[in-house]
Amino acid sequence: YPEERISYMLEDSGAGSLIVQHPEDVPARYSGRVISL
């Protein structure tokens, strides 16, 4: 997905944590907890 869509989904959902598979996929504007696979 485009970064804007990902950021919108994270913000709209209120996700407090984000599990990410690849380091390059961590959204720049996400302020919650990032858990790296």
PDB file of all heavy atoms in Angstrom:
ATOM      1  N   TYR A   1       0.838  -1.194   0.000  1.00  0.00           N
ATOM      2  CA  TYR A   1       0.000   0.000   0.000  1.00  0.00           C
ATOM      3  C   TYR A   1       0.878   1.251   0.000  1.00  0.00           C
ATOM      4  O   TYR A   1       1.975   1.246   0.566  1.00  0.00           O
ATOM      5  CB  TYR A   1      -0.900   0.055   1.236  1.00  0.00           C
ATOM      6  CG  TYR A   1      -2.051  -0.925   1.248  1.00  0.00           C
ATOM      7  CD1 TYR A   1      -2.707  -1.183   2.445  1.00  0.00           C
ATOM      8  CD2 TYR A   1      -2.510  -1.575   0.115  1.00  0.00           C
ATOM      9  CE1 TYR A   1      -3.773  -2.071   2.505  1.00  0.00           C
ATOM     10  CE2 TYR A   1      -3.573  -2.460   0.163  1.00  0.00           C
ATOM     11  CZ  TYR A   1      -4.192  -2.695   1.357  1.00  0.00           C
ATOM     12  OH  TYR A   1      -5.248  -3.577   1.410  1.00  0.00           O
ATOM     13  N   PRO A   2       0.369   2.350  -0.563  1.00  0.00           N
ATOM     14  CA  PRO A   2       1.115   3.612  -0.488  1.00  0.00           C
ATOM     15  C   PRO A   2       1.256   4.049   0.979  1.00  0.00           C
ATOM     16  O   PRO A   2       0.398   3.755   1.818  1.00  0.00           O
ATOM     17  CB  PRO A   2       0.235   4.601  -1.256  1.00  0.00           C
ATOM     18  CG  PRO A   2      -0.737   3.769  -2.027  1.00  0.00           C
ATOM     19  CD  PRO A   2      -0.872   2.463  -1.318  1.00  0.00           C
ATOM     20  N   GLU A   3       2.334   4.754   1.283  1.00  0.00           N
ATOM     21  CA  GLU A   3       2.607   5.162   2.667  1.00  0.00           C
ATOM     22  C   GLU A   3       1.470   6.006   3.252  1.00  0.00           C
ATOM     23  O   GLU A   3       1.143   5.873   4.427  1.00  0.00           O
ATOM     24  CB  GLU A   3       3.927   5.926   2.771  1.00  0.00           C
ATOM     25  CG  GLU A   3       4.295   6.171   4.224  1.00  0.00           C
ATOM     26  CD  GLU A   3       5.710   6.669   4.419  1.00  0.00           C
ATOM     27  OE1 GLU A   3       6.529   6.524   3.508  1.00  0.00           O
ATOM     28  OE2 GLU A   3       5.967   7.197   5.514  1.00  0.00           O
ATOM     29  N   GLU A   4       0.835   6.854   2.428  1.00  0.00           N
ATOM     30  CA  GLU A   4      -0.273   7.676   2.935  1.00  0.00           C
ATOM     31  C   GLU A   4      -1.426   6.792   3.401  1.00  0.00           C
ATOM     32  O   GLU A   4      -2.062   7.066   4.424  1.00  0.00           O
ATOM     33  CB  GLU A   4      -0.789   8.653   1.868  1.00  0.00           C
ATOM     34  CG  GLU A   4       0.162   9.768   1.531  1.00  0.00           C
ATOM     35  CD  GLU A   4       1.162   9.356   0.448  1.00  0.00           C
ATOM     36  OE1 GLU A   4       0.831   8.506  -0.403  1.00  0.00           O
ATOM     37  OE2 GLU A   4       2.283   9.878   0.475  1.00  0.00           O
ATOM     38  N   ARG A   5      -1.710   5.740   2.642  1.00  0.00           N
ATOM     39  CA  ARG A   5      -2.805   4.836   3.026  1.00  0.00           C
ATOM     40  C   ARG A   5      -2.460   4.089   4.308  1.00  0.00           C
ATOM     41  O   ARG A   5      -3.294   3.930   5.195  1.00  0.00           O
ATOM     42  CB  ARG A   5      -3.104   3.848   1.902  1.00  0.00           C
ATOM     43  CG  ARG A   5      -4.260   2.936   2.235  1.00  0.00           C
ATOM     44  CD  ARG A   5      -4.700   2.130   1.060  1.00  0.00           C
ATOM     45  NE  ARG A   5      -5.852   1.298   1.429  1.00  0.00           N
ATOM     46  CZ  ARG A   5      -6.358   0.376   0.662  1.00  0.00           C
ATOM     47  NH1 ARG A   5      -5.861   0.165  -0.529  1.00  0.00           N
ATOM     48  NH2 ARG A   5      -7.382  -0.333   1.073  1.00  0.00           N
ATOM     49  N   ILE A   6      -1.229   3.617   4.402  1.00  0.00           N
ATOM     50  CA  ILE A   6      -0.794   2.917   5.611  1.00  0.00           C
ATOM     51  C   ILE A   6      -0.901   3.843   6.815  1.00  0.00           C
ATOM     52  O   ILE A   6      -1.441   3.451   7.860  1.00  0.00           O
ATOM     53  CB  ILE A   6       0.650   2.379   5.439  1.00  0.00           C
ATOM     54  CG1 ILE A   6       0.664   1.265   4.390  1.00  0.00           C
ATOM     55  CG2 ILE A   6       1.211   1.896   6.779  1.00  0.00           C
ATOM     56  CD1 ILE A   6       2.049   0.809   3.971  1.00  0.00           C
ATOM     57  N   SER A   7      -0.420   5.066   6.675  1.00  0.00           N
ATOM     58  CA  SER A   7      -0.491   6.035   7.782  1.00  0.00           C
ATOM     59  C   SER A   7      -1.931   6.316   8.177  1.00  0.00           C
ATOM     60  O   SER A   7      -2.258   6.392   9.366  1.00  0.00           O
ATOM     61  CB  SER A   7       0.206   7.341   7.395  1.00  0.00           C
ATOM     62  OG  SER A   7       1.579   7.119   7.234  1.00  0.00           O
ATOM     63  N   TYR A   8      -2.803   6.469   7.181  1.00  0.00           N
ATOM     64  CA  TYR A   8      -4.211   6.711   7.469  1.00  0.00           C
ATOM     65  C   TYR A   8      -4.824   5.535   8.233  1.00  0.00           C
ATOM     66  O   TYR A   8      -5.541   5.728   9.211  1.00  0.00           O
ATOM     67  CB  TYR A   8      -5.002   6.967   6.175  1.00  0.00           C
ATOM     68  CG  TYR A   8      -6.480   7.033   6.432  1.00  0.00           C
ATOM     69  CD1 TYR A   8      -7.052   8.184   6.986  1.00  0.00           C
ATOM     70  CD2 TYR A   8      -7.311   5.940   6.185  1.00  0.00           C
ATOM     71  CE1 TYR A   8      -8.409   8.244   7.256  1.00  0.00           C
ATOM     72  CE2 TYR A   8      -8.664   5.993   6.450  1.00  0.00           C
ATOM     73  CZ  TYR A   8      -9.214   7.148   6.988  1.00  0.00           C
ATOM     74  OH  TYR A   8     -10.545   7.196   7.276  1.00  0.00           O
ATOM     75  N   MET A   9      -4.532   4.310   7.787  1.00  0.00           N
ATOM     76  CA  MET A   9      -5.091   3.127   8.440  1.00  0.00           C
ATOM     77  C   MET A   9      -4.626   3.033   9.896  1.00  0.00           C
ATOM     78  O   MET A   9      -5.411   2.712  10.788  1.00  0.00           O
ATOM     79  CB  MET A   9      -4.706   1.860   7.671  1.00  0.00           C
ATOM     80  CG  MET A   9      -5.368   1.740   6.317  1.00  0.00           C
ATOM     81  SD  MET A   9      -4.744   0.351   5.346  1.00  0.00           S
ATOM     82  CE  MET A   9      -5.531  -1.016   6.209  1.00  0.00           C
ATOM     83  N   LEU A  10      -3.366   3.318  10.126  1.00  0.00           N
ATOM     84  CA  LEU A  10      -2.832   3.269  11.493  1.00  0.00           C
ATOM     85  C   LEU A  10      -3.484   4.321  12.378  1.00  0.00           C
ATOM     86  O   LEU A  10      -3.879   4.045  13.506  1.00  0.00           O
ATOM     87  CB  LEU A  10      -1.308   3.443  11.471  1.00  0.00           C
ATOM     88  CG  LEU A  10      -0.530   2.275  10.882  1.00  0.00           C
ATOM     89  CD1 LEU A  10       0.918   2.674  10.626  1.00  0.00           C
ATOM     90  CD2 LEU A  10      -0.607   1.072  11.808  1.00  0.00           C
ATOM     91  N   GLU A  11      -3.606   5.526  11.849  1.00  0.00           N
ATOM     92  CA  GLU A  11      -4.203   6.613  12.625  1.00  0.00           C
ATOM     93  C   GLU A  11      -5.694   6.372  12.862  1.00  0.00           C
ATOM     94  O   GLU A  11      -6.189   6.493  13.982  1.00  0.00           O
ATOM     95  CB  GLU A  11      -3.999   7.943  11.895  1.00  0.00           C
ATOM     96  CG  GLU A  11      -4.498   9.139  12.683  1.00  0.00           C
ATOM     97  CD  GLU A  11      -4.254  10.441  11.936  1.00  0.00           C
ATOM     98  OE1 GLU A  11      -3.225  10.573  11.255  1.00  0.00           O
ATOM     99  OE2 GLU A  11      -5.128  11.329  12.051  1.00  0.00           O
ATOM    100  N   ASP A  12      -6.408   6.002  11.812  1.00  0.00           N
ATOM    101  CA  ASP A  12      -7.847   5.801  11.900  1.00  0.00           C
ATOM    102  C   ASP A  12      -8.219   4.657  12.842  1.00  0.00           C
ATOM    103  O   ASP A  12      -9.216   4.730  13.556  1.00  0.00           O
ATOM    104  CB  ASP A  12      -8.419   5.541  10.505  1.00  0.00           C
ATOM    105  CG  ASP A  12      -9.937   5.505  10.500  1.00  0.00           C
ATOM    106  OD1 ASP A  12     -10.552   6.487  10.965  1.00  0.00           O
ATOM    107  OD2 ASP A  12     -10.493   4.491  10.045  1.00  0.00           O
ATOM    108  N   SER A  13      -7.412   3.606  12.857  1.00  0.00           N
ATOM    109  CA  SER A  13      -7.707   2.441  13.695  1.00  0.00           C
ATOM    110  C   SER A  13      -7.333   2.657  15.152  1.00  0.00           C
ATOM    111  O   SER A  13      -7.833   1.959  16.032  1.00  0.00           O
ATOM    112  CB  SER A  13      -6.962   1.217  13.169  1.00  0.00           C
ATOM    113  OG  SER A  13      -5.561   1.364  13.372  1.00  0.00           O
ATOM    114  N   GLY A  14      -6.418   3.590  15.407  1.00  0.00           N
ATOM    115  CA  GLY A  14      -5.935   3.791  16.767  1.00  0.00           C
ATOM    116  C   GLY A  14      -5.000   2.676  17.214  1.00  0.00           C
ATOM    117  O   GLY A  14      -4.860   2.434  18.422  1.00  0.00           O
ATOM    118  N   ALA A  15      -4.361   2.001  16.272  1.00  0.00           N
ATOM    119  CA  ALA A  15      -3.458   0.896  16.605  1.00  0.00           C
ATOM    120  C   ALA A  15      -2.325   1.396  17.498  1.00  0.00           C
ATOM    121  O   ALA A  15      -1.561   2.265  17.108  1.00  0.00           O
ATOM    122  CB  ALA A  15      -2.898   0.271  15.329  1.00  0.00           C
ATOM    123  N   GLY A  16      -2.229   0.814  18.684  1.00  0.00           N
ATOM    124  CA  GLY A  16      -1.183   1.206  19.627  1.00  0.00           C
ATOM    125  C   GLY A  16       0.130   0.512  19.372  1.00  0.00           C
ATOM    126  O   GLY A  16       1.181   0.963  19.819  1.00  0.00           O
ATOM    127  N   SER A  17       0.082  -0.594  18.636  1.00  0.00           N
ATOM    128  CA  SER A  17       1.288  -1.346  18.296  1.00  0.00           C
ATOM    129  C   SER A  17       1.242  -1.716  16.826  1.00  0.00           C
ATOM    130  O   SER A  17       0.174  -1.892  16.249  1.00  0.00           O
ATOM    131  CB  SER A  17       1.387  -2.631  19.123  1.00  0.00           C
ATOM    132  OG  SER A  17       1.492  -2.356  20.486  1.00  0.00           O
ATOM    133  N   LEU A  18       2.437  -1.851  16.264  1.00  0.00           N
ATOM    134  CA  LEU A  18       2.575  -2.210  14.858  1.00  0.00           C
ATOM    135  C   LEU A  18       3.647  -3.281  14.748  1.00  0.00           C
ATOM    136  O   LEU A  18       4.797  -3.060  15.139  1.00  0.00           O
ATOM    137  CB  LEU A  18       2.960  -0.988  14.030  1.00  0.00           C
ATOM    138  CG  LEU A  18       3.368  -1.226  12.574  1.00  0.00           C
ATOM    139  CD1 LEU A  18       2.196  -1.772  11.769  1.00  0.00           C
ATOM    140  CD2 LEU A  18       3.887   0.065  11.952  1.00  0.00           C
ATOM    141  N   ILE A  19       3.271  -4.436  14.233  1.00  0.00           N
ATOM    142  CA  ILE A  19       4.234  -5.498  13.955  1.00  0.00           C
ATOM    143  C   ILE A  19       4.653  -5.339  12.500  1.00  0.00           C
ATOM    144  O   ILE A  19       3.809  -5.308  11.606  1.00  0.00           O
ATOM    145  CB  ILE A  19       3.615  -6.890  14.185  1.00  0.00           C
ATOM    146  CG1 ILE A  19       3.171  -7.048  15.644  1.00  0.00           C
ATOM    147  CG2 ILE A  19       4.598  -7.983  13.789  1.00  0.00           C
ATOM    148  CD1 ILE A  19       2.409  -8.332  15.937  1.00  0.00           C
ATOM    149  N   VAL A  20       5.961  -5.212  12.276  1.00  0.00           N
ATOM    150  CA  VAL A  20       6.487  -4.958  10.939  1.00  0.00           C
ATOM    151  C   VAL A  20       7.478  -6.055  10.563  1.00  0.00           C
ATOM    152  O   VAL A  20       8.313  -6.443  11.377  1.00  0.00           O
ATOM    153  CB  VAL A  20       7.181  -3.584  10.873  1.00  0.00           C
ATOM    154  CG1 VAL A  20       7.680  -3.291   9.470  1.00  0.00           C
ATOM    155  CG2 VAL A  20       6.261  -2.488  11.327  1.00  0.00           C
ATOM    156  N   GLN A  21       7.390  -6.511   9.316  1.00  0.00           N
ATOM    157  CA  GLN A  21       8.254  -7.594   8.858  1.00  0.00           C
ATOM    158  C   GLN A  21       9.615  -7.110   8.371  1.00  0.00           C
ATOM    159  O   GLN A  21      10.620  -7.768   8.592  1.00  0.00           O
ATOM    160  CB  GLN A  21       7.555  -8.372   7.749  1.00  0.00           C
ATOM    161  CG  GLN A  21       8.255  -9.659   7.385  1.00  0.00           C
ATOM    162  CD  GLN A  21       7.376 -10.537   6.524  1.00  0.00           C
ATOM    163  OE1 GLN A  21       6.411 -10.088   5.915  1.00  0.00           O
ATOM    164  NE2 GLN A  21       7.692 -11.812   6.482  1.00  0.00           N
ATOM    165  N   HIS A  22       9.650  -5.956   7.709  1.00  0.00           N
ATOM    166  CA  HIS A  22      10.902  -5.457   7.121  1.00  0.00           C
ATOM    167  C   HIS A  22      11.199  -4.047   7.630  1.00  0.00           C
ATOM    168  O   HIS A  22      10.295  -3.222   7.715  1.00  0.00           O
ATOM    169  CB  HIS A  22      10.805  -5.431   5.597  1.00  0.00           C
ATOM    170  CG  HIS A  22      10.410  -6.751   5.002  1.00  0.00           C
ATOM    171  ND1 HIS A  22      11.251  -7.833   4.989  1.00  0.00           N
ATOM    172  CD2 HIS A  22       9.263  -7.163   4.419  1.00  0.00           C
ATOM    173  CE1 HIS A  22      10.643  -8.855   4.414  1.00  0.00           C
ATOM    174  NE2 HIS A  22       9.426  -8.477   4.058  1.00  0.00           N
ATOM    175  N   PRO A  23      12.471  -3.749   7.940  1.00  0.00           N
ATOM    176  CA  PRO A  23      12.822  -2.427   8.493  1.00  0.00           C
ATOM    177  C   PRO A  23      12.404  -1.258   7.599  1.00  0.00           C
ATOM    178  O   PRO A  23      11.975  -0.218   8.109  1.00  0.00           O
ATOM    179  CB  PRO A  23      14.347  -2.477   8.626  1.00  0.00           C
ATOM    180  CG  PRO A  23      14.771  -3.857   8.356  1.00  0.00           C
ATOM    181  CD  PRO A  23      13.626  -4.613   7.779  1.00  0.00           C
ATOM    182  N   GLU A  24      12.485  -1.447   6.297  1.00  0.00           N
ATOM    183  CA  GLU A  24      12.158  -0.345   5.381  1.00  0.00           C
ATOM    184  C   GLU A  24      10.659  -0.043   5.338  1.00  0.00           C
ATOM    185  O   GLU A  24      10.248   0.986   4.803  1.00  0.00           O
ATOM    186  CB  GLU A  24      12.676  -0.639   3.965  1.00  0.00           C
ATOM    187  CG  GLU A  24      12.049  -1.829   3.288  1.00  0.00           C
ATOM    188  CD  GLU A  24      12.737  -3.171   3.592  1.00  0.00           C
ATOM    189  OE1 GLU A  24      13.595  -3.245   4.482  1.00  0.00           O
ATOM    190  OE2 GLU A  24      12.385  -4.148   2.924  1.00  0.00           O
ATOM    191  N   ASP A  25       9.826  -0.893   5.921  1.00  0.00           N
ATOM    192  CA  ASP A  25       8.376  -0.685   5.899  1.00  0.00           C
ATOM    193  C   ASP A  25       7.848   0.119   7.081  1.00  0.00           C
ATOM    194  O   ASP A  25       6.661   0.441   7.127  1.00  0.00           O
ATOM    195  CB  ASP A  25       7.651  -2.036   5.853  1.00  0.00           C
ATOM    196  CG  ASP A  25       7.830  -2.744   4.521  1.00  0.00           C
ATOM    197  OD1 ASP A  25       8.120  -2.071   3.511  1.00  0.00           O
ATOM    198  OD2 ASP A  25       7.690  -3.984   4.490  1.00  0.00           O
ATOM    199  N   VAL A  26       8.691   0.439   8.056  1.00  0.00           N
ATOM    200  CA  VAL A  26       8.225   1.198   9.226  1.00  0.00           C
ATOM    201  C   VAL A  26       7.819   2.595   8.768  1.00  0.00           C
ATOM    202  O   VAL A  26       8.640   3.340   8.237  1.00  0.00           O
ATOM    203  CB  VAL A  26       9.320   1.293  10.319  1.00  0.00           C
ATOM    204  CG1 VAL A  26       8.834   2.133  11.485  1.00  0.00           C
ATOM    205  CG2 VAL A  26       9.739  -0.096  10.782  1.00  0.00           C
ATOM    206  N   PRO A  27       6.541   2.962   8.951  1.00  0.00           N
ATOM    207  CA  PRO A  27       6.085   4.282   8.513  1.00  0.00           C
ATOM    208  C   PRO A  27       6.755   5.395   9.322  1.00  0.00           C
ATOM    209  O   PRO A  27       6.855   5.316  10.547  1.00  0.00           O
ATOM    210  CB  PRO A  27       4.576   4.266   8.789  1.00  0.00           C
ATOM    211  CG  PRO A  27       4.225   2.830   8.961  1.00  0.00           C
ATOM    212  CD  PRO A  27       5.447   2.160   9.487  1.00  0.00           C
ATOM    213  N   ALA A  28       7.185   6.420   8.624  1.00  0.00           N
ATOM    214  CA  ALA A  28       7.903   7.527   9.258  1.00  0.00           C
ATOM    215  C   ALA A  28       7.050   8.253  10.292  1.00  0.00           C
ATOM    216  O   ALA A  28       7.562   8.685  11.326  1.00  0.00           O
ATOM    217  CB  ALA A  28       8.382   8.506   8.187  1.00  0.00           C
ATOM    218  N   ARG A  29       5.745   8.370  10.045  1.00  0.00           N
ATOM    219  CA  ARG A  29       4.893   9.170  10.935  1.00  0.00           C
ATOM    220  C   ARG A  29       4.221   8.355  12.036  1.00  0.00           C
ATOM    221  O   ARG A  29       3.448   8.911  12.817  1.00  0.00           O
ATOM    222  CB  ARG A  29       3.822   9.886  10.111  1.00  0.00           C
ATOM    223  CG  ARG A  29       4.414  10.861   9.112  1.00  0.00           C
ATOM    224  CD  ARG A  29       3.398  11.758   8.448  1.00  0.00           C
ATOM    225  NE  ARG A  29       2.089  11.178   8.224  1.00  0.00           N
ATOM    226  CZ  ARG A  29       1.489  11.114   7.062  1.00  0.00           C
ATOM    227  NH1 ARG A  29       2.079  11.553   5.985  1.00  0.00           N
ATOM    228  NH2 ARG A  29       0.280  10.600   6.955  1.00  0.00           N
ATOM    229  N   TYR A  30       4.496   7.076  12.138  1.00  0.00           N
ATOM    230  CA  TYR A  30       3.831   6.261  13.168  1.00  0.00           C
ATOM    231  C   TYR A  30       4.499   6.489  14.515  1.00  0.00           C
ATOM    232  O   TYR A  30       5.711   6.396  14.659  1.00  0.00           O
ATOM    233  CB  TYR A  30       3.877   4.783  12.796  1.00  0.00           C
ATOM    234  CG  TYR A  30       3.163   3.906  13.807  1.00  0.00           C
ATOM    235  CD1 TYR A  30       1.786   4.005  13.981  1.00  0.00           C
ATOM    236  CD2 TYR A  30       3.871   3.018  14.598  1.00  0.00           C
ATOM    237  CE1 TYR A  30       1.127   3.213  14.911  1.00  0.00           C
ATOM    238  CE2 TYR A  30       3.217   2.214  15.524  1.00  0.00           C
ATOM    239  CZ  TYR A  30       1.853   2.329  15.678  1.00  0.00           C
ATOM    240  OH  TYR A  30       1.207   1.553  16.596  1.00  0.00           O
ATOM    241  N   SER A  31       3.672   6.782  15.539  1.00  0.00           N
ATOM    242  CA  SER A  31       4.229   7.109  16.854  1.00  0.00           C
ATOM    243  C   SER A  31       3.976   6.025  17.908  1.00  0.00           C
ATOM    244  O   SER A  31       4.383   6.189  19.054  1.00  0.00           O
ATOM    245  CB  SER A  31       3.655   8.445  17.343  1.00  0.00           C
ATOM    246  OG  SER A  31       2.245   8.356  17.445  1.00  0.00           O
ATOM    247  N   GLY A  32       3.326   4.937  17.537  1.00  0.00           N
ATOM    248  CA  GLY A  32       3.072   3.859  18.491  1.00  0.00           C
ATOM    249  C   GLY A  32       4.274   2.932  18.624  1.00  0.00           C
ATOM    250  O   GLY A  32       5.360   3.202  18.097  1.00  0.00           O
ATOM    251  N   ARG A  33       4.068   1.827  19.331  1.00  0.00           N
ATOM    252  CA  ARG A  33       5.138   0.835  19.511  1.00  0.00           C
ATOM    253  C   ARG A  33       5.340   0.059  18.222  1.00  0.00           C
ATOM    254  O   ARG A  33       4.381  -0.427  17.633  1.00  0.00           O
ATOM    255  CB  ARG A  33       4.773  -0.152  20.623  1.00  0.00           C
ATOM    256  CG  ARG A  33       4.856   0.426  22.017  1.00  0.00           C
ATOM    257  CD  ARG A  33       4.464  -0.606  23.068  1.00  0.00           C
ATOM    258  NE  ARG A  33       3.079  -1.065  22.960  1.00  0.00           N
ATOM    259  CZ  ARG A  33       2.020  -0.388  23.405  1.00  0.00           C
ATOM    260  NH1 ARG A  33       2.182   0.762  24.008  1.00  0.00           N
ATOM    261  NH2 ARG A  33       0.809  -0.865  23.261  1.00  0.00           N
ATOM    262  N   VAL A  34       6.595  -0.092  17.808  1.00  0.00           N
ATOM    263  CA  VAL A  34       6.936  -0.880  16.629  1.00  0.00           C
ATOM    264  C   VAL A  34       7.612  -2.156  17.098  1.00  0.00           C
ATOM    265  O   VAL A  34       8.573  -2.129  17.856  1.00  0.00           O
ATOM    266  CB  VAL A  34       7.864  -0.099  15.677  1.00  0.00           C
ATOM    267  CG1 VAL A  34       8.308  -0.979  14.516  1.00  0.00           C
ATOM    268  CG2 VAL A  34       7.162   1.147  15.156  1.00  0.00           C
ATOM    269  N   ILE A  35       7.077  -3.282  16.650  1.00  0.00           N
ATOM    270  CA  ILE A  35       7.629  -4.593  16.978  1.00  0.00           C
ATOM    271  C   ILE A  35       8.160  -5.171  15.679  1.00  0.00           C
ATOM    272  O   ILE A  35       7.409  -5.389  14.733  1.00  0.00           O
ATOM    273  CB  ILE A  35       6.555  -5.498  17.608  1.00  0.00           C
ATOM    274  CG1 ILE A  35       6.070  -4.847  18.907  1.00  0.00           C
ATOM    275  CG2 ILE A  35       7.080  -6.892  17.833  1.00  0.00           C
ATOM    276  CD1 ILE A  35       4.700  -5.228  19.317  1.00  0.00           C
ATOM    277  N   SER A  36       9.445  -5.392  15.640  1.00  0.00           N
ATOM    278  CA  SER A  36      10.092  -5.811  14.396  1.00  0.00           C
ATOM    279  C   SER A  36      10.217  -7.329  14.325  1.00  0.00           C
ATOM    280  O   SER A  36      10.822  -7.946  15.190  1.00  0.00           O
ATOM    281  CB  SER A  36      11.465  -5.157  14.278  1.00  0.00           C
ATOM    282  OG  SER A  36      12.234  -5.433  15.427  1.00  0.00           O
ATOM    283  N   LEU A  37       9.643  -7.900  13.266  1.00  0.00           N
ATOM    284  CA  LEU A  37       9.719  -9.342  13.072  1.00  0.00           C
ATOM    285  C   LEU A  37      11.157  -9.792  12.807  1.00  0.00           C
ATOM    286  O   LEU A  37      11.533 -10.897  13.175  1.00  0.00           O
ATOM    287  CB  LEU A  37       8.816  -9.785  11.924  1.00  0.00           C
ATOM    288  CG  LEU A  37       7.320  -9.771  12.200  1.00  0.00           C
ATOM    289  CD1 LEU A  37       6.541 -10.131  10.949  1.00  0.00           C
ATOM    290  CD2 LEU A  37       6.970 -10.724  13.319  1.00  0.00           C
TER     291      LEU A  37
END
